[in-house]
Amino acid sequence: MLSATEIDRVYDTLAATYPLFEDSDDEWMTHGLSDTPFRALLSVALSTMTNGPRTIKAAVGLFEKVSTFEQLRDIDDDELRDTIRSVAHYNRKTLSLKRMARQIIDDHGGEIPTNHDDLMSLQGIGRKCADIMMNFQYGTPTVAVDTHVHRVVNRLGMVDTRTHEQTADALIDVTPARFVRHAHERLIQHGMQTCVARKPKCDDCPLTALCAHYNAA
């Protein structure tokens, strides 16, 4: 396992290597998928098990048709299904989005909850989605963990965990406070561009000196 000093060096290196989403031409940002809590919540709900381009296509199409939870609740099921067809499990997500809209209207006065437990009580919102909302929309320091982040931090030896939930719990404990806000952004970029699943690009990686996986090979 990496020491606290080594983890600090990991984050310093990632910060020097990858730009923040807001400072880049990342399509999620340029299409405004995080511009408001409404857009952010629906976008992260659509993104589960789905890559970026397919999520963006569905979200952009959806936001051309709805801008409130009342409109989401009332849109025809078939129209919603066709609009988000590019994402994985679009049939299930059609039902989840409708139920989420009703929950927010009926149980929260039409306002998105701003605490973690209530966010996770919403249909279609799991730990990763709730963490993204809390960190990026509501300013509560968390590190959202998806497949890429889980893979990267376990390969490096920052944590030793089996599930995404275990990784999220462990990662927030070992991440220095000054890096928490943007840790997800840096780690996910590293996982998507360099520390990829099947054939990690170790020859191009700036972290090999610190990487448990590389140094055990």
N, C-alpha and C. Protein backbone atom coordinates (compact mmCIF):
# COMPACT_ATOMS: atom_id res chain seq x y z
N MET A 1 0.84 -1.19 0.00
CA MET A 1 0.00 0.00 0.00
C MET A 1 0.89 1.26 0.00
N LEU A 2 0.42 2.26 -0.72
CA LEU A 2 1.18 3.50 -0.78
C LEU A 2 1.09 4.25 0.55
N SER A 3 2.16 4.93 0.89
CA SER A 3 2.18 5.76 2.09
C SER A 3 1.45 7.07 1.82
N ALA A 4 1.21 7.82 2.88
CA ALA A 4 0.54 9.11 2.72
C ALA A 4 1.36 10.04 1.84
N THR A 5 2.67 10.00 1.99
CA THR A 5 3.54 10.84 1.16
C THR A 5 3.45 10.43 -0.30
N GLU A 6 3.41 9.14 -0.56
CA GLU A 6 3.32 8.66 -1.94
C GLU A 6 1.97 9.01 -2.56
N ILE A 7 0.90 8.91 -1.78
CA ILE A 7 -0.42 9.29 -2.29
C ILE A 7 -0.46 10.77 -2.63
N ASP A 8 0.18 11.57 -1.81
CA ASP A 8 0.28 13.00 -2.10
C ASP A 8 1.00 13.22 -3.43
N ARG A 9 2.04 12.46 -3.67
CA ARG A 9 2.78 12.57 -4.94
C ARG A 9 1.92 12.12 -6.12
N VAL A 10 1.10 11.09 -5.92
CA VAL A 10 0.19 10.65 -6.98
C VAL A 10 -0.72 11.80 -7.40
N TYR A 11 -1.34 12.43 -6.42
CA TYR A 11 -2.28 13.51 -6.75
C TYR A 11 -1.56 14.72 -7.34
N ASP A 12 -0.38 15.03 -6.84
CA ASP A 12 0.40 16.12 -7.42
C ASP A 12 0.69 15.85 -8.90
N THR A 13 1.06 14.61 -9.20
CA THR A 13 1.37 14.24 -10.59
C THR A 13 0.13 14.29 -11.46
N LEU A 14 -0.99 13.78 -10.96
CA LEU A 14 -2.23 13.83 -11.73
C LEU A 14 -2.66 15.27 -11.98
N ALA A 15 -2.49 16.13 -10.98
CA ALA A 15 -2.87 17.54 -11.14
C ALA A 15 -2.02 18.23 -12.20
N ALA A 16 -0.78 17.81 -12.31
CA ALA A 16 0.11 18.39 -13.32
C ALA A 16 -0.11 17.80 -14.71
N THR A 17 -0.81 16.68 -14.77
CA THR A 17 -0.98 15.95 -16.03
C THR A 17 -2.32 16.20 -16.69
N TYR A 18 -3.38 16.29 -15.88
CA TYR A 18 -4.73 16.37 -16.43
C TYR A 18 -5.42 17.68 -16.03
N PRO A 19 -6.07 18.35 -16.98
CA PRO A 19 -6.78 19.59 -16.65
C PRO A 19 -8.09 19.29 -15.94
N LEU A 20 -8.62 20.28 -15.25
CA LEU A 20 -9.96 20.15 -14.71
C LEU A 20 -10.96 20.15 -15.86
N PHE A 21 -12.09 19.51 -15.65
CA PHE A 21 -13.11 19.46 -16.69
C PHE A 21 -13.50 20.87 -17.15
N GLU A 22 -13.64 21.77 -16.18
CA GLU A 22 -14.10 23.12 -16.52
C GLU A 22 -13.07 23.91 -17.31
N ASP A 23 -11.83 23.46 -17.29
CA ASP A 23 -10.76 24.14 -18.02
C ASP A 23 -10.41 23.43 -19.32
N SER A 24 -11.21 22.45 -19.70
CA SER A 24 -10.90 21.66 -20.88
C SER A 24 -12.06 21.72 -21.86
N ASP A 25 -11.91 21.01 -22.97
CA ASP A 25 -13.00 20.94 -23.94
C ASP A 25 -13.82 19.67 -23.75
N ASP A 26 -13.86 19.18 -22.52
CA ASP A 26 -14.64 18.00 -22.19
C ASP A 26 -16.09 18.20 -22.63
N GLU A 27 -16.62 17.24 -23.39
CA GLU A 27 -17.95 17.41 -23.98
C GLU A 27 -19.06 17.47 -22.93
N TRP A 28 -18.84 16.81 -21.81
CA TRP A 28 -19.84 16.87 -20.73
C TRP A 28 -20.06 18.33 -20.32
N MET A 29 -18.95 19.08 -20.24
CA MET A 29 -19.04 20.47 -19.82
C MET A 29 -19.52 21.37 -20.96
N THR A 30 -18.99 21.16 -22.16
CA THR A 30 -19.36 22.05 -23.26
C THR A 30 -20.83 21.91 -23.65
N HIS A 31 -21.42 20.76 -23.36
CA HIS A 31 -22.85 20.58 -23.62
C HIS A 31 -23.72 20.96 -22.42
N GLY A 32 -23.09 21.44 -21.36
CA GLY A 32 -23.85 21.96 -20.23
C GLY A 32 -24.53 20.91 -19.37
N LEU A 33 -23.99 19.70 -19.34
CA LEU A 33 -24.66 18.63 -18.60
C LEU A 33 -24.57 18.82 -17.09
N SER A 34 -23.69 19.71 -16.63
CA SER A 34 -23.59 19.97 -15.19
C SER A 34 -23.94 21.42 -14.85
N ASP A 35 -24.58 22.12 -15.77
CA ASP A 35 -24.83 23.54 -15.57
C ASP A 35 -25.77 23.83 -14.41
N THR A 36 -26.71 22.94 -14.15
CA THR A 36 -27.67 23.11 -13.06
C THR A 36 -27.81 21.79 -12.32
N PRO A 37 -28.27 21.81 -11.07
CA PRO A 37 -28.51 20.54 -10.38
C PRO A 37 -29.48 19.63 -11.13
N PHE A 38 -30.50 20.20 -11.77
CA PHE A 38 -31.45 19.40 -12.55
C PHE A 38 -30.72 18.65 -13.66
N ARG A 39 -29.93 19.36 -14.45
CA ARG A 39 -29.20 18.73 -15.54
C ARG A 39 -28.19 17.72 -15.01
N ALA A 40 -27.50 18.06 -13.94
CA ALA A 40 -26.48 17.17 -13.39
C ALA A 40 -27.10 15.87 -12.90
N LEU A 41 -28.23 15.96 -12.20
CA LEU A 41 -28.86 14.76 -11.65
C LEU A 41 -29.32 13.82 -12.77
N LEU A 42 -29.98 14.37 -13.77
CA LEU A 42 -30.46 13.53 -14.86
C LEU A 42 -29.29 12.95 -15.67
N SER A 43 -28.25 13.74 -15.85
CA SER A 43 -27.10 13.27 -16.62
C SER A 43 -26.39 12.11 -15.93
N VAL A 44 -26.18 12.23 -14.62
CA VAL A 44 -25.50 11.14 -13.92
C VAL A 44 -26.38 9.90 -13.85
N ALA A 45 -27.70 10.11 -13.77
CA ALA A 45 -28.60 8.95 -13.78
C ALA A 45 -28.54 8.23 -15.12
N LEU A 46 -28.44 8.98 -16.20
CA LEU A 46 -28.34 8.38 -17.52
C LEU A 46 -27.00 7.70 -17.74
N SER A 47 -25.96 8.16 -17.05
CA SER A 47 -24.59 7.73 -17.34
C SER A 47 -24.24 6.34 -16.83
N THR A 48 -25.03 5.78 -15.93
CA THR A 48 -24.67 4.49 -15.35
C THR A 48 -24.59 3.42 -16.44
N MET A 49 -23.49 2.68 -16.44
CA MET A 49 -23.24 1.60 -17.39
C MET A 49 -23.19 2.09 -18.84
N THR A 50 -22.90 3.37 -19.04
CA THR A 50 -22.94 3.95 -20.38
C THR A 50 -21.74 4.86 -20.57
N ASN A 51 -21.13 4.82 -21.76
CA ASN A 51 -19.97 5.68 -21.99
C ASN A 51 -20.38 7.13 -22.23
N GLY A 52 -19.39 8.01 -22.24
CA GLY A 52 -19.65 9.44 -22.34
C GLY A 52 -20.44 9.86 -23.56
N PRO A 53 -20.01 9.50 -24.77
CA PRO A 53 -20.73 9.95 -25.97
C PRO A 53 -22.20 9.54 -25.99
N ARG A 54 -22.49 8.32 -25.57
CA ARG A 54 -23.89 7.87 -25.57
C ARG A 54 -24.71 8.61 -24.50
N THR A 55 -24.09 8.87 -23.36
CA THR A 55 -24.77 9.65 -22.31
C THR A 55 -25.05 11.05 -22.80
N ILE A 56 -24.06 11.67 -23.41
CA ILE A 56 -24.22 13.04 -23.90
C ILE A 56 -25.33 13.13 -24.94
N LYS A 57 -25.36 12.18 -25.86
CA LYS A 57 -26.40 12.17 -26.89
C LYS A 57 -27.79 12.12 -26.25
N ALA A 58 -27.97 11.24 -25.28
CA ALA A 58 -29.27 11.11 -24.63
C ALA A 58 -29.62 12.35 -23.81
N ALA A 59 -28.65 12.86 -23.07
CA ALA A 59 -28.92 14.01 -22.21
C ALA A 59 -29.25 15.25 -23.02
N VAL A 60 -28.48 15.50 -24.06
CA VAL A 60 -28.75 16.67 -24.91
C VAL A 60 -30.15 16.58 -25.50
N GLY A 61 -30.51 15.42 -26.00
CA GLY A 61 -31.85 15.24 -26.54
C GLY A 61 -32.93 15.43 -25.49
N LEU A 62 -32.68 14.93 -24.29
CA LEU A 62 -33.66 15.04 -23.21
C LEU A 62 -33.85 16.49 -22.80
N PHE A 63 -32.76 17.25 -22.70
CA PHE A 63 -32.86 18.63 -22.24
C PHE A 63 -33.47 19.55 -23.29
N GLU A 64 -33.58 19.08 -24.52
CA GLU A 64 -34.33 19.83 -25.52
C GLU A 64 -35.83 19.70 -25.31
N LYS A 65 -36.23 18.71 -24.50
CA LYS A 65 -37.65 18.43 -24.32
C LYS A 65 -38.15 18.72 -22.91
N VAL A 66 -37.27 18.61 -21.91
CA VAL A 66 -37.71 18.85 -20.53
C VAL A 66 -36.71 19.74 -19.80
N SER A 67 -37.23 20.61 -18.96
CA SER A 67 -36.36 21.46 -18.13
C SER A 67 -36.85 21.53 -16.70
N THR A 68 -37.90 20.79 -16.38
CA THR A 68 -38.41 20.71 -15.01
C THR A 68 -38.82 19.28 -14.72
N PHE A 69 -38.96 18.98 -13.44
CA PHE A 69 -39.39 17.64 -13.06
C PHE A 69 -40.85 17.39 -13.43
N GLU A 70 -41.65 18.45 -13.48
CA GLU A 70 -43.03 18.29 -13.92
C GLU A 70 -43.08 17.86 -15.39
N GLN A 71 -42.22 18.46 -16.20
CA GLN A 71 -42.18 18.08 -17.61
C GLN A 71 -41.64 16.66 -17.78
N LEU A 72 -40.68 16.28 -16.95
CA LEU A 72 -40.16 14.92 -17.00
C LEU A 72 -41.23 13.92 -16.60
N ARG A 73 -41.98 14.25 -15.57
CA ARG A 73 -43.07 13.38 -15.11
C ARG A 73 -44.12 13.19 -16.20
N ASP A 74 -44.40 14.26 -16.94
CA ASP A 74 -45.53 14.25 -17.87
C ASP A 74 -45.18 13.84 -19.29
N ILE A 75 -43.90 13.77 -19.63
CA ILE A 75 -43.53 13.40 -20.99
C ILE A 75 -44.00 11.97 -21.27
N ASP A 76 -44.46 11.74 -22.47
CA ASP A 76 -44.94 10.41 -22.86
C ASP A 76 -43.82 9.38 -22.70
N ASP A 77 -44.15 8.22 -22.15
CA ASP A 77 -43.15 7.19 -21.91
C ASP A 77 -42.42 6.79 -23.19
N ASP A 78 -43.15 6.62 -24.27
CA ASP A 78 -42.52 6.22 -25.52
C ASP A 78 -41.59 7.30 -26.05
N GLU A 79 -41.98 8.55 -25.89
CA GLU A 79 -41.11 9.65 -26.34
C GLU A 79 -39.84 9.71 -25.51
N LEU A 80 -39.98 9.52 -24.20
CA LEU A 80 -38.80 9.51 -23.34
C LEU A 80 -37.90 8.34 -23.68
N ARG A 81 -38.48 7.19 -23.89
CA ARG A 81 -37.71 6.00 -24.23
C ARG A 81 -36.92 6.21 -25.52
N ASP A 82 -37.56 6.78 -26.52
CA ASP A 82 -36.87 7.02 -27.78
C ASP A 82 -35.77 8.07 -27.63
N THR A 83 -35.98 9.03 -26.78
CA THR A 83 -35.01 10.11 -26.59
C THR A 83 -33.73 9.61 -25.94
N ILE A 84 -33.85 8.67 -25.00
CA ILE A 84 -32.66 8.21 -24.27
C ILE A 84 -32.20 6.83 -24.74
N ARG A 85 -32.63 6.44 -25.93
CA ARG A 85 -32.36 5.09 -26.42
C ARG A 85 -30.86 4.78 -26.53
N SER A 86 -30.01 5.79 -26.60
CA SER A 86 -28.57 5.55 -26.77
C SER A 86 -27.91 5.02 -25.49
N VAL A 87 -28.56 5.16 -24.33
CA VAL A 87 -27.93 4.71 -23.09
C VAL A 87 -28.28 3.26 -22.79
N ALA A 88 -27.45 2.63 -22.00
CA ALA A 88 -27.71 1.25 -21.58
C ALA A 88 -28.97 1.19 -20.72
N HIS A 89 -29.72 0.11 -20.88
CA HIS A 89 -30.92 -0.13 -20.09
C HIS A 89 -31.92 1.03 -20.19
N TYR A 90 -32.12 1.53 -21.40
CA TYR A 90 -32.98 2.70 -21.58
C TYR A 90 -34.42 2.43 -21.18
N ASN A 91 -34.88 1.19 -21.31
CA ASN A 91 -36.24 0.89 -20.86
C ASN A 91 -36.37 1.07 -19.35
N ARG A 92 -35.42 0.49 -18.62
CA ARG A 92 -35.45 0.62 -17.15
C ARG A 92 -35.24 2.07 -16.73
N LYS A 93 -34.35 2.78 -17.43
CA LYS A 93 -34.09 4.17 -17.05
C LYS A 93 -35.28 5.07 -17.36
N THR A 94 -36.06 4.72 -18.35
CA THR A 94 -37.29 5.48 -18.62
C THR A 94 -38.21 5.43 -17.40
N LEU A 95 -38.39 4.24 -16.86
CA LEU A 95 -39.25 4.10 -15.68
C LEU A 95 -38.62 4.76 -14.46
N SER A 96 -37.29 4.63 -14.32
CA SER A 96 -36.61 5.22 -13.17
C SER A 96 -36.69 6.74 -13.17
N LEU A 97 -36.48 7.34 -14.34
CA LEU A 97 -36.55 8.80 -14.42
C LEU A 97 -37.94 9.31 -14.09
N LYS A 98 -38.95 8.61 -14.57
CA LYS A 98 -40.33 9.00 -14.26
C LYS A 98 -40.60 8.91 -12.76
N ARG A 99 -40.17 7.80 -12.16
CA ARG A 99 -40.39 7.64 -10.72
C ARG A 99 -39.60 8.66 -9.93
N MET A 100 -38.35 8.94 -10.35
CA MET A 100 -37.55 9.96 -9.68
C MET A 100 -38.25 11.31 -9.71
N ALA A 101 -38.79 11.66 -10.87
CA ALA A 101 -39.49 12.94 -10.98
C ALA A 101 -40.66 13.01 -10.00
N ARG A 102 -41.43 11.95 -9.92
CA ARG A 102 -42.57 11.93 -8.99
C ARG A 102 -42.10 12.02 -7.54
N GLN A 103 -41.01 11.32 -7.21
CA GLN A 103 -40.48 11.38 -5.85
C GLN A 103 -40.09 12.81 -5.48
N ILE A 104 -39.38 13.47 -6.38
CA ILE A 104 -38.90 14.83 -6.09
C ILE A 104 -40.07 15.79 -5.96
N ILE A 105 -41.09 15.63 -6.80
CA ILE A 105 -42.27 16.49 -6.73
C ILE A 105 -43.08 16.20 -5.48
N ASP A 106 -43.35 14.94 -5.22
CA ASP A 106 -44.26 14.56 -4.13
C ASP A 106 -43.60 14.60 -2.76
N ASP A 107 -42.33 14.20 -2.69
CA ASP A 107 -41.68 14.06 -1.38
C ASP A 107 -40.75 15.22 -1.03
N HIS A 108 -40.35 16.01 -2.03
CA HIS A 108 -39.36 17.06 -1.78
C HIS A 108 -39.78 18.42 -2.34
N GLY A 109 -41.07 18.58 -2.57
CA GLY A 109 -41.57 19.87 -3.01
C GLY A 109 -41.00 20.36 -4.33
N GLY A 110 -40.58 19.42 -5.16
CA GLY A 110 -40.05 19.78 -6.46
C GLY A 110 -38.59 20.17 -6.47
N GLU A 111 -37.95 20.09 -5.30
CA GLU A 111 -36.54 20.46 -5.19
C GLU A 111 -35.67 19.22 -4.99
N ILE A 112 -34.54 19.18 -5.64
CA ILE A 112 -33.61 18.06 -5.48
C ILE A 112 -33.06 18.06 -4.07
N PRO A 113 -33.07 16.93 -3.37
CA PRO A 113 -32.47 16.89 -2.03
C PRO A 113 -31.00 17.28 -2.06
N THR A 114 -30.56 17.89 -0.97
CA THR A 114 -29.16 18.32 -0.90
C THR A 114 -28.38 17.54 0.16
N ASN A 115 -28.93 16.42 0.60
CA ASN A 115 -28.16 15.56 1.51
C ASN A 115 -28.03 14.17 0.90
N HIS A 116 -27.00 13.49 1.31
CA HIS A 116 -26.60 12.23 0.68
C HIS A 116 -27.67 11.15 0.81
N ASP A 117 -28.22 10.98 1.99
CA ASP A 117 -29.19 9.90 2.20
C ASP A 117 -30.44 10.09 1.35
N ASP A 118 -30.94 11.32 1.27
CA ASP A 118 -32.14 11.57 0.48
C ASP A 118 -31.86 11.42 -1.01
N LEU A 119 -30.67 11.81 -1.44
CA LEU A 119 -30.31 11.60 -2.84
C LEU A 119 -30.32 10.11 -3.18
N MET A 120 -29.76 9.30 -2.29
CA MET A 120 -29.69 7.87 -2.56
C MET A 120 -31.05 7.19 -2.46
N SER A 121 -32.01 7.87 -1.87
CA SER A 121 -33.37 7.29 -1.81
C SER A 121 -34.11 7.49 -3.14
N LEU A 122 -33.56 8.31 -4.03
CA LEU A 122 -34.21 8.55 -5.31
C LEU A 122 -34.01 7.36 -6.24
N GLN A 123 -35.02 7.04 -6.99
CA GLN A 123 -34.94 5.95 -7.96
C GLN A 123 -33.83 6.23 -8.97
N GLY A 124 -32.97 5.25 -9.17
CA GLY A 124 -31.92 5.37 -10.18
C GLY A 124 -30.67 6.07 -9.72
N ILE A 125 -30.61 6.48 -8.46
CA ILE A 125 -29.43 7.19 -7.95
C ILE A 125 -28.72 6.32 -6.93
N GLY A 126 -27.51 5.89 -7.26
CA GLY A 126 -26.70 5.08 -6.36
C GLY A 126 -25.60 5.91 -5.72
N ARG A 127 -24.64 5.22 -5.13
CA ARG A 127 -23.58 5.88 -4.37
C ARG A 127 -22.76 6.83 -5.25
N LYS A 128 -22.34 6.37 -6.43
CA LYS A 128 -21.51 7.21 -7.29
C LYS A 128 -22.26 8.48 -7.67
N CYS A 129 -23.51 8.33 -8.10
CA CYS A 129 -24.28 9.49 -8.53
C CYS A 129 -24.49 10.47 -7.38
N ALA A 130 -24.80 9.95 -6.21
CA ALA A 130 -25.00 10.82 -5.05
C ALA A 130 -23.71 11.55 -4.69
N ASP A 131 -22.59 10.85 -4.75
CA ASP A 131 -21.30 11.48 -4.44
C ASP A 131 -20.97 12.59 -5.44
N ILE A 132 -21.26 12.36 -6.72
CA ILE A 132 -21.02 13.40 -7.72
C ILE A 132 -21.86 14.63 -7.43
N MET A 133 -23.11 14.43 -7.11
CA MET A 133 -23.97 15.57 -6.79
C MET A 133 -23.49 16.32 -5.56
N MET A 134 -23.14 15.59 -4.52
CA MET A 134 -22.70 16.24 -3.30
C MET A 134 -21.41 17.02 -3.52
N ASN A 135 -20.49 16.46 -4.27
CA ASN A 135 -19.18 17.10 -4.46
C ASN A 135 -19.26 18.29 -5.41
N PHE A 136 -19.86 18.07 -6.57
CA PHE A 136 -19.79 19.09 -7.62
C PHE A 136 -20.94 20.08 -7.59
N GLN A 137 -22.09 19.69 -7.03
CA GLN A 137 -23.23 20.61 -7.00
C GLN A 137 -23.41 21.27 -5.64
N TYR A 138 -23.09 20.54 -4.58
CA TYR A 138 -23.39 21.04 -3.25
C TYR A 138 -22.17 21.29 -2.37
N GLY A 139 -20.99 21.09 -2.91
CA GLY A 139 -19.76 21.49 -2.22
C GLY A 139 -19.39 20.66 -1.01
N THR A 140 -19.91 19.45 -0.91
CA THR A 140 -19.53 18.55 0.19
C THR A 140 -18.43 17.62 -0.31
N PRO A 141 -17.25 17.66 0.29
CA PRO A 141 -16.11 16.90 -0.25
C PRO A 141 -16.36 15.39 -0.25
N THR A 142 -16.36 14.82 -1.44
CA THR A 142 -16.45 13.38 -1.61
C THR A 142 -15.60 13.01 -2.82
N VAL A 143 -15.30 11.72 -2.97
CA VAL A 143 -14.63 11.23 -4.18
C VAL A 143 -15.54 10.17 -4.79
N ALA A 144 -16.18 10.52 -5.88
CA ALA A 144 -17.07 9.57 -6.54
C ALA A 144 -16.25 8.47 -7.21
N VAL A 145 -16.71 7.24 -7.09
CA VAL A 145 -15.96 6.09 -7.61
C VAL A 145 -16.79 5.37 -8.66
N ASP A 146 -16.24 5.29 -9.87
CA ASP A 146 -16.81 4.47 -10.91
C ASP A 146 -15.81 3.37 -11.26
N THR A 147 -16.04 2.66 -12.35
CA THR A 147 -15.16 1.56 -12.72
C THR A 147 -13.72 2.03 -12.94
N HIS A 148 -13.56 3.19 -13.59
CA HIS A 148 -12.22 3.69 -13.88
C HIS A 148 -11.47 4.05 -12.60
N VAL A 149 -12.12 4.78 -11.72
CA VAL A 149 -11.47 5.20 -10.47
C VAL A 149 -11.14 3.98 -9.62
N HIS A 150 -12.09 3.06 -9.51
CA HIS A 150 -11.86 1.83 -8.73
C HIS A 150 -10.63 1.09 -9.24
N ARG A 151 -10.52 0.95 -10.55
CA ARG A 151 -9.38 0.24 -11.15
C ARG A 151 -8.07 0.97 -10.88
N VAL A 152 -8.04 2.26 -11.09
CA VAL A 152 -6.80 3.04 -10.95
C VAL A 152 -6.26 2.98 -9.54
N VAL A 153 -7.11 3.27 -8.55
CA VAL A 153 -6.58 3.39 -7.19
C VAL A 153 -6.19 2.04 -6.62
N ASN A 154 -6.82 0.96 -7.07
CA ASN A 154 -6.40 -0.37 -6.62
C ASN A 154 -5.12 -0.81 -7.32
N ARG A 155 -4.97 -0.51 -8.58
CA ARG A 155 -3.72 -0.84 -9.27
C ARG A 155 -2.54 -0.07 -8.66
N LEU A 156 -2.76 1.19 -8.39
CA LEU A 156 -1.68 1.99 -7.81
C LEU A 156 -1.30 1.49 -6.42
N GLY A 157 -2.27 0.97 -5.69
CA GLY A 157 -2.04 0.57 -4.30
C GLY A 157 -2.42 1.65 -3.32
N MET A 158 -3.26 2.58 -3.75
CA MET A 158 -3.77 3.60 -2.84
C MET A 158 -4.76 2.99 -1.86
N VAL A 159 -5.53 2.00 -2.33
CA VAL A 159 -6.48 1.26 -1.50
C VAL A 159 -6.40 -0.20 -1.90
N ASP A 160 -7.01 -1.04 -1.10
CA ASP A 160 -7.10 -2.47 -1.43
C ASP A 160 -8.54 -2.89 -1.14
N THR A 161 -9.39 -2.77 -2.15
CA THR A 161 -10.83 -2.95 -1.95
C THR A 161 -11.43 -3.78 -3.08
N ARG A 162 -12.60 -4.34 -2.81
CA ARG A 162 -13.26 -5.19 -3.79
C ARG A 162 -14.42 -4.49 -4.50
N THR A 163 -15.16 -3.66 -3.79
CA THR A 163 -16.34 -3.03 -4.37
C THR A 163 -16.14 -1.53 -4.51
N HIS A 164 -16.96 -0.93 -5.36
CA HIS A 164 -16.89 0.52 -5.54
C HIS A 164 -17.22 1.25 -4.25
N GLU A 165 -18.17 0.73 -3.49
CA GLU A 165 -18.54 1.36 -2.23
C GLU A 165 -17.39 1.32 -1.23
N GLN A 166 -16.71 0.17 -1.14
CA GLN A 166 -15.55 0.08 -0.26
C GLN A 166 -14.45 1.05 -0.71
N THR A 167 -14.28 1.17 -2.01
CA THR A 167 -13.27 2.08 -2.53
C THR A 167 -13.60 3.52 -2.17
N ALA A 168 -14.85 3.91 -2.32
CA ALA A 168 -15.25 5.28 -1.99
C ALA A 168 -14.99 5.59 -0.52
N ASP A 169 -15.31 4.64 0.36
CA ASP A 169 -15.08 4.85 1.79
C ASP A 169 -13.59 4.96 2.10
N ALA A 170 -12.79 4.09 1.48
CA ALA A 170 -11.35 4.10 1.77
C ALA A 170 -10.66 5.28 1.13
N LEU A 171 -11.09 5.67 -0.05
CA LEU A 171 -10.40 6.71 -0.79
C LEU A 171 -10.56 8.07 -0.14
N ILE A 172 -11.73 8.35 0.41
CA ILE A 172 -11.92 9.64 1.06
C ILE A 172 -11.03 9.74 2.30
N ASP A 173 -10.72 8.61 2.91
CA ASP A 173 -9.87 8.62 4.10
C ASP A 173 -8.40 8.87 3.77
N VAL A 174 -7.94 8.44 2.59
CA VAL A 174 -6.51 8.55 2.27
C VAL A 174 -6.21 9.73 1.36
N THR A 175 -7.23 10.38 0.82
CA THR A 175 -7.00 11.51 -0.08
C THR A 175 -6.78 12.79 0.72
N PRO A 176 -5.66 13.47 0.52
CA PRO A 176 -5.42 14.74 1.22
C PRO A 176 -6.53 15.74 0.92
N ALA A 177 -6.90 16.52 1.93
CA ALA A 177 -8.05 17.41 1.82
C ALA A 177 -7.94 18.35 0.63
N ARG A 178 -6.74 18.80 0.30
CA ARG A 178 -6.60 19.77 -0.78
C ARG A 178 -6.86 19.16 -2.15
N PHE A 179 -6.91 17.83 -2.23
CA PHE A 179 -7.14 17.18 -3.51
C PHE A 179 -8.54 16.61 -3.66
N VAL A 180 -9.32 16.57 -2.59
CA VAL A 180 -10.60 15.86 -2.63
C VAL A 180 -11.55 16.43 -3.68
N ARG A 181 -11.66 17.74 -3.76
CA ARG A 181 -12.63 18.38 -4.65
C ARG A 181 -12.50 17.89 -6.10
N HIS A 182 -11.29 17.71 -6.57
CA HIS A 182 -11.09 17.36 -7.98
C HIS A 182 -10.46 15.98 -8.17
N ALA A 183 -10.42 15.17 -7.11
CA ALA A 183 -9.80 13.85 -7.22
C ALA A 183 -10.50 12.99 -8.27
N HIS A 184 -11.81 13.00 -8.27
CA HIS A 184 -12.57 12.19 -9.24
C HIS A 184 -12.19 12.56 -10.67
N GLU A 185 -12.10 13.86 -10.95
CA GLU A 185 -11.79 14.31 -12.31
C GLU A 185 -10.44 13.80 -12.77
N ARG A 186 -9.44 13.90 -11.89
CA ARG A 186 -8.09 13.49 -12.28
C ARG A 186 -7.98 11.98 -12.41
N LEU A 187 -8.55 11.26 -11.46
CA LEU A 187 -8.45 9.80 -11.47
C LEU A 187 -9.20 9.19 -12.65
N ILE A 188 -10.38 9.73 -12.97
CA ILE A 188 -11.15 9.15 -14.07
C ILE A 188 -10.47 9.41 -15.41
N GLN A 189 -9.85 10.57 -15.56
CA GLN A 189 -9.12 10.84 -16.80
C GLN A 189 -7.93 9.89 -16.95
N HIS A 190 -7.24 9.61 -15.85
CA HIS A 190 -6.12 8.69 -15.90
C HIS A 190 -6.60 7.29 -16.28
N GLY A 191 -7.75 6.90 -15.73
CA GLY A 191 -8.29 5.58 -16.03
C GLY A 191 -8.79 5.44 -17.45
N MET A 192 -9.28 6.52 -18.02
CA MET A 192 -9.82 6.46 -19.38
C MET A 192 -8.73 6.63 -20.45
N GLN A 193 -7.67 7.35 -20.11
CA GLN A 193 -6.66 7.66 -21.12
C GLN A 193 -5.39 6.82 -21.01
N THR A 194 -5.01 6.43 -19.82
CA THR A 194 -3.72 5.75 -19.63
C THR A 194 -3.87 4.41 -18.93
N CYS A 195 -4.44 4.39 -17.75
CA CYS A 195 -4.57 3.15 -16.98
C CYS A 195 -5.87 2.44 -17.39
N VAL A 196 -5.94 2.10 -18.67
CA VAL A 196 -7.15 1.49 -19.21
C VAL A 196 -7.25 0.04 -18.77
N ALA A 197 -8.42 -0.56 -18.96
CA ALA A 197 -8.70 -1.85 -18.35
C ALA A 197 -7.83 -2.98 -18.89
N ARG A 198 -7.81 -3.18 -20.20
CA ARG A 198 -7.21 -4.40 -20.74
C ARG A 198 -5.71 -4.28 -20.99
N LYS A 199 -5.28 -3.17 -21.56
CA LYS A 199 -3.86 -2.99 -21.86
C LYS A 199 -3.42 -1.62 -21.39
N PRO A 200 -3.15 -1.50 -20.08
CA PRO A 200 -2.74 -0.19 -19.56
C PRO A 200 -1.48 0.32 -20.26
N LYS A 201 -1.46 1.62 -20.52
CA LYS A 201 -0.37 2.23 -21.27
C LYS A 201 0.76 2.64 -20.32
N CYS A 202 1.39 1.63 -19.74
CA CYS A 202 2.39 1.88 -18.72
C CYS A 202 3.59 2.66 -19.26
N ASP A 203 3.92 2.49 -20.53
CA ASP A 203 5.05 3.20 -21.10
C ASP A 203 4.81 4.71 -21.15
N ASP A 204 3.54 5.11 -21.14
CA ASP A 204 3.20 6.53 -21.20
C ASP A 204 2.75 7.07 -19.85
N CYS A 205 2.82 6.25 -18.82
CA CYS A 205 2.25 6.63 -17.52
C CYS A 205 3.26 7.40 -16.67
N PRO A 206 2.85 8.54 -16.10
CA PRO A 206 3.75 9.30 -15.23
C PRO A 206 3.81 8.77 -13.80
N LEU A 207 3.09 7.66 -13.52
CA LEU A 207 2.99 7.17 -12.15
C LEU A 207 3.66 5.82 -11.93
N THR A 208 4.42 5.33 -12.90
CA THR A 208 4.97 3.98 -12.76
C THR A 208 5.88 3.84 -11.54
N ALA A 209 6.59 4.87 -11.18
CA ALA A 209 7.49 4.77 -10.03
C ALA A 209 6.73 4.54 -8.73
N LEU A 210 5.45 4.90 -8.73
CA LEU A 210 4.64 4.78 -7.52
C LEU A 210 3.63 3.62 -7.60
N CYS A 211 3.53 2.98 -8.75
CA CYS A 211 2.45 2.03 -9.00
C CYS A 211 2.78 0.62 -8.54
N ALA A 212 1.97 0.09 -7.62
CA ALA A 212 2.17 -1.26 -7.10
C ALA A 212 2.01 -2.30 -8.20
N HIS A 213 1.04 -2.13 -9.07
CA HIS A 213 0.80 -3.08 -10.16
C HIS A 213 2.00 -3.14 -11.11
N TYR A 214 2.50 -1.99 -11.49
CA TYR A 214 3.63 -1.95 -12.42
C TYR A 214 4.89 -2.53 -11.78
N ASN A 215 5.15 -2.19 -10.56
CA ASN A 215 6.38 -2.61 -9.90
C ASN A 215 6.35 -4.06 -9.43
N ALA A 216 5.14 -4.66 -9.43
CA ALA A 216 5.04 -6.08 -9.08
C ALA A 216 5.19 -6.98 -10.30
N ALA A 217 5.14 -6.37 -11.47
CA ALA A 217 5.18 -7.16 -12.72
C ALA A 217 6.57 -7.74 -12.94
